[in-house]
Protein backbone atom coordinates (compact mmCIF):
# COMPACT_ATOMS: atom_id res chain seq x y z
CA MET A 1 -61.74 -190.23 -202.50
CA GLU A 2 -61.51 -186.83 -204.42
CA CYS A 3 -63.04 -184.78 -201.10
CA ILE A 4 -60.04 -186.69 -199.18
CA LEU A 5 -57.21 -185.65 -201.66
CA SER A 6 -58.69 -182.17 -201.75
CA THR A 7 -58.79 -181.87 -198.04
CA LEU A 8 -55.28 -183.02 -197.84
CA GLU A 9 -53.97 -180.59 -200.52
CA ASP A 10 -55.88 -177.60 -198.84
CA GLU A 11 -54.19 -178.42 -195.33
CA ILE A 12 -50.63 -178.88 -196.92
CA SER A 13 -51.24 -175.80 -198.85
CA LEU A 14 -52.30 -173.58 -195.55
CA ARG A 15 -49.46 -175.09 -193.71
CA THR A 16 -47.03 -174.41 -196.42
CA GLY A 17 -48.36 -170.48 -196.55
CA ARG A 18 -48.33 -170.17 -193.11
CA ALA A 19 -44.44 -171.25 -192.95
CA VAL A 20 -43.33 -169.29 -195.62
CA LYS A 21 -44.83 -166.36 -194.11
CA GLN A 22 -43.36 -167.04 -190.52
CA ARG A 23 -39.99 -167.76 -192.34
CA ARG A 24 -40.15 -164.53 -194.24
CA GLU A 25 -41.47 -162.25 -191.20
CA ALA A 26 -38.54 -163.60 -188.99
CA ALA A 27 -36.07 -162.82 -191.83
CA GLY A 28 -37.17 -159.41 -191.86
CA PHE A 29 -38.18 -159.76 -195.47
CA SER A 30 -41.05 -157.67 -197.08
CA LEU A 31 -43.05 -159.60 -199.68
CA ARG A 32 -41.15 -157.81 -202.18
CA ALA A 33 -37.81 -158.51 -201.08
CA LEU A 34 -38.68 -162.12 -200.77
CA ALA A 35 -40.02 -161.70 -204.20
CA ALA A 36 -36.62 -160.37 -205.67
CA ARG A 37 -34.83 -163.15 -203.95
CA SER A 38 -36.68 -165.87 -205.14
CA GLY A 39 -37.93 -164.69 -208.75
CA ILE A 40 -41.70 -165.43 -207.29
CA SER A 41 -44.01 -162.44 -207.73
CA SER A 42 -45.03 -160.68 -204.33
CA SER A 43 -48.57 -161.38 -205.54
CA MET A 44 -47.99 -164.98 -205.65
CA ILE A 45 -46.45 -165.13 -202.15
CA SER A 46 -49.37 -163.24 -200.59
CA ASP A 47 -51.60 -165.63 -202.21
CA ILE A 48 -49.55 -168.68 -201.05
CA GLU A 49 -49.16 -167.09 -197.30
CA ARG A 50 -53.17 -166.63 -197.25
CA GLY A 51 -53.82 -170.48 -198.52
CA VAL A 52 -55.64 -168.92 -201.42
CA LYS A 53 -53.19 -170.64 -204.24
CA SER A 54 -51.21 -174.02 -203.74
CA PRO A 55 -47.41 -173.64 -204.69
CA THR A 56 -45.80 -176.20 -207.34
CA VAL A 57 -42.82 -178.10 -206.40
CA VAL A 58 -40.37 -175.69 -207.82
CA THR A 59 -42.14 -172.82 -206.18
CA VAL A 60 -41.62 -174.15 -202.73
CA VAL A 61 -37.84 -175.09 -203.60
CA ARG A 62 -37.46 -171.52 -205.01
CA LEU A 63 -39.13 -169.70 -201.68
CA ALA A 64 -37.21 -172.16 -199.44
CA GLN A 65 -33.77 -171.59 -200.82
CA ALA A 66 -34.50 -167.43 -200.88
CA LEU A 67 -35.27 -168.06 -197.22
CA GLY A 68 -32.38 -170.21 -196.54
CA VAL A 69 -34.21 -173.27 -195.37
CA ASN A 70 -35.01 -176.78 -197.26
CA ALA A 71 -38.31 -177.10 -198.91
CA ALA A 72 -39.26 -179.73 -196.02
CA ALA A 73 -39.26 -176.98 -193.29
CA LEU A 74 -41.76 -175.04 -195.44
CA VAL A 75 -43.77 -178.25 -196.45
CA ASP A 76 -43.91 -179.27 -192.95
CA GLY A 77 -45.41 -176.04 -192.01
CA GLY A 78 -42.33 -174.92 -189.80
CA SER A 79 -43.70 -177.14 -187.22
CA ASP A 80 -39.90 -177.99 -185.62
CA SER A 81 -40.03 -174.51 -183.66
CA ALA A 82 -40.22 -170.99 -183.42
CA PRO A 83 -37.60 -169.66 -185.84
CA ARG A 84 -34.15 -169.38 -184.72
CA ILE A 85 -33.39 -166.01 -186.18
CA ARG A 86 -35.47 -162.96 -185.38
CA VAL A 87 -34.51 -159.76 -187.19
CA LEU A 88 -35.25 -156.08 -186.46
CA ARG A 89 -34.30 -153.79 -189.48
CA ARG A 90 -33.16 -150.20 -189.15
CA ASP A 91 -36.28 -149.01 -190.14
CA GLU A 92 -38.29 -150.84 -187.85
CA ALA A 93 -36.86 -150.06 -184.72
CA ALA A 94 -38.96 -147.21 -181.84
CA GLY A 95 -14.70 -166.06 -196.18
CA GLY A 96 -11.41 -164.95 -195.29
CA GLU A 97 -8.73 -166.58 -193.19
CA GLU A 98 -8.13 -163.20 -191.31
CA PRO A 99 -9.98 -163.64 -187.58
CA ALA A 100 -12.56 -160.87 -186.35
CA ARG A 101 -11.07 -158.60 -183.57
CA TRP A 102 -12.96 -159.02 -180.73
CA GLN A 103 -13.10 -157.11 -177.29
CA SER A 104 -14.95 -158.09 -174.42
CA LEU A 105 -17.18 -154.85 -173.18
CA GLY A 106 -17.34 -156.63 -169.54
CA PRO A 107 -16.19 -157.66 -167.20
CA ALA A 108 -19.04 -159.81 -166.03
CA SER A 109 -19.69 -160.98 -162.63
CA PRO A 110 -18.27 -164.59 -162.37
CA ASP A 111 -21.79 -165.92 -161.62
CA SER A 112 -22.97 -163.83 -164.79
CA ARG A 113 -24.89 -165.18 -167.35
CA ILE A 114 -24.30 -162.33 -169.94
CA ASP A 115 -21.37 -161.44 -172.03
CA PHE A 116 -20.90 -158.30 -174.01
CA VAL A 117 -18.83 -158.27 -176.83
CA ARG A 118 -17.78 -156.01 -179.80
CA TYR A 119 -16.47 -157.74 -182.83
CA GLN A 120 -14.71 -156.03 -185.99
CA ILE A 121 -14.96 -158.58 -189.02
CA PRO A 122 -12.64 -158.05 -191.79
CA PRO A 123 -13.66 -157.82 -195.50
CA ALA A 124 -14.93 -161.37 -197.05
CA THR A 125 -14.53 -163.12 -193.22
CA VAL A 126 -16.19 -166.24 -192.52
CA LEU A 127 -16.68 -166.69 -188.74
CA GLY A 128 -17.47 -170.40 -187.57
CA PRO A 129 -19.60 -172.29 -187.78
CA SER A 130 -19.22 -172.53 -183.85
CA ALA A 131 -20.85 -175.29 -182.07
CA ALA A 132 -24.25 -175.16 -180.65
CA HIS A 133 -24.31 -173.45 -176.94
CA ALA A 134 -26.36 -174.76 -174.05
CA ALA A 135 -30.05 -174.91 -174.85
CA GLY A 136 -31.85 -171.50 -173.81
CA THR A 137 -29.05 -169.40 -174.97
CA VAL A 138 -29.64 -166.49 -176.98
CA GLU A 139 -27.43 -163.86 -178.87
CA HIS A 140 -28.71 -160.67 -179.48
CA MET A 141 -26.84 -158.63 -181.88
CA HIS A 142 -26.75 -155.07 -183.57
CA VAL A 143 -24.73 -154.29 -186.90
CA ALA A 144 -23.26 -150.81 -186.27
CA ALA A 145 -21.40 -150.84 -189.65
CA GLY A 146 -21.05 -152.80 -192.74
CA THR A 147 -23.29 -155.99 -193.55
CA VAL A 148 -23.37 -159.53 -192.14
CA ARG A 149 -24.91 -162.71 -192.88
CA ILE A 150 -25.85 -164.87 -189.83
CA THR A 151 -26.58 -168.39 -189.92
CA VAL A 152 -28.11 -170.57 -187.53
CA GLY A 153 -29.01 -174.10 -187.84
CA GLU A 154 -30.57 -173.99 -191.43
CA GLU A 155 -31.46 -170.21 -190.90
CA THR A 156 -29.80 -167.29 -192.74
CA ALA A 157 -30.63 -163.62 -192.19
CA GLU A 158 -28.71 -160.80 -194.04
CA LEU A 159 -28.43 -157.35 -191.80
CA SER A 160 -26.94 -154.02 -192.58
CA ALA A 161 -25.88 -151.41 -190.51
CA GLY A 162 -28.66 -150.23 -188.00
CA ASP A 163 -30.05 -153.78 -188.23
CA SER A 164 -30.64 -155.88 -185.06
CA CYS A 165 -31.52 -159.75 -184.49
CA SER A 166 -31.83 -162.23 -181.69
CA CYS A 167 -30.55 -165.88 -182.21
CA ARG A 168 -31.34 -169.15 -180.26
CA THR A 169 -27.76 -170.58 -180.85
CA ASP A 170 -28.38 -173.89 -179.38
CA ALA A 171 -27.69 -174.69 -183.11
CA PRO A 172 -24.28 -174.49 -185.21
CA HIS A 173 -23.78 -170.99 -186.01
CA GLY A 174 -21.72 -168.42 -187.86
CA VAL A 175 -21.27 -164.87 -189.06
CA GLU A 176 -19.91 -163.85 -192.34
CA ASN A 177 -18.78 -160.59 -193.53
CA PRO A 178 -19.68 -160.82 -197.18
CA ASP A 179 -18.53 -157.35 -198.27
CA PRO A 180 -14.90 -157.57 -199.87
CA SER A 181 -13.93 -153.90 -199.25
CA ALA A 182 -15.45 -153.09 -196.01
CA GLU A 183 -15.07 -154.12 -192.32
CA ALA A 184 -18.19 -155.03 -190.38
CA LEU A 185 -18.67 -154.03 -186.79
CA ILE A 186 -21.01 -155.93 -184.51
CA TYR A 187 -22.11 -155.58 -180.96
CA LEU A 188 -23.27 -159.00 -179.23
CA ILE A 189 -24.94 -159.65 -175.88
CA VAL A 190 -24.78 -163.08 -175.06
CA GLU A 191 -27.39 -164.66 -172.76
CA ARG A 192 -26.19 -168.21 -171.76
CA GLY A 193 -29.13 -170.74 -171.23
């Protein structure tokens, strides 16, 4: 019986470690960044990701909160599908009520599945959540100025000027400018599914 429990524990630890690494990389966090957000040391996170150590329930919850997912998503091993948000940081490249100002950079042809949009998001403004788009819809965003927080489904990513991301927006989604004093400027390419 002890052998069976040990095997199950090892399987859960490996699955959880892979999910933590997948979610961390998808959010664009280094080990240090996730350590700072979660209060868990970067060496412990590395050990968890490699399956060397089994995380406690409290550790899983803290990592999940820092990654913007529920703990079950980590314990299940991220088996639901690939992350909805994929971030590319600037250095890796070769809620208010005032509405954002947007400008279509089109015009797109009537049968086009792509829109180009420019959004100016006032300080402390939350846009959304917007309803899920059709399956296969992807939004590519580049942050030209300021900072934004992107939420798609249960996933969240924070981006600064120069960062970009691609999001599968077939789930409720929104964008927030958390800065109370500076406008954010984003460029968006929407590929409809």
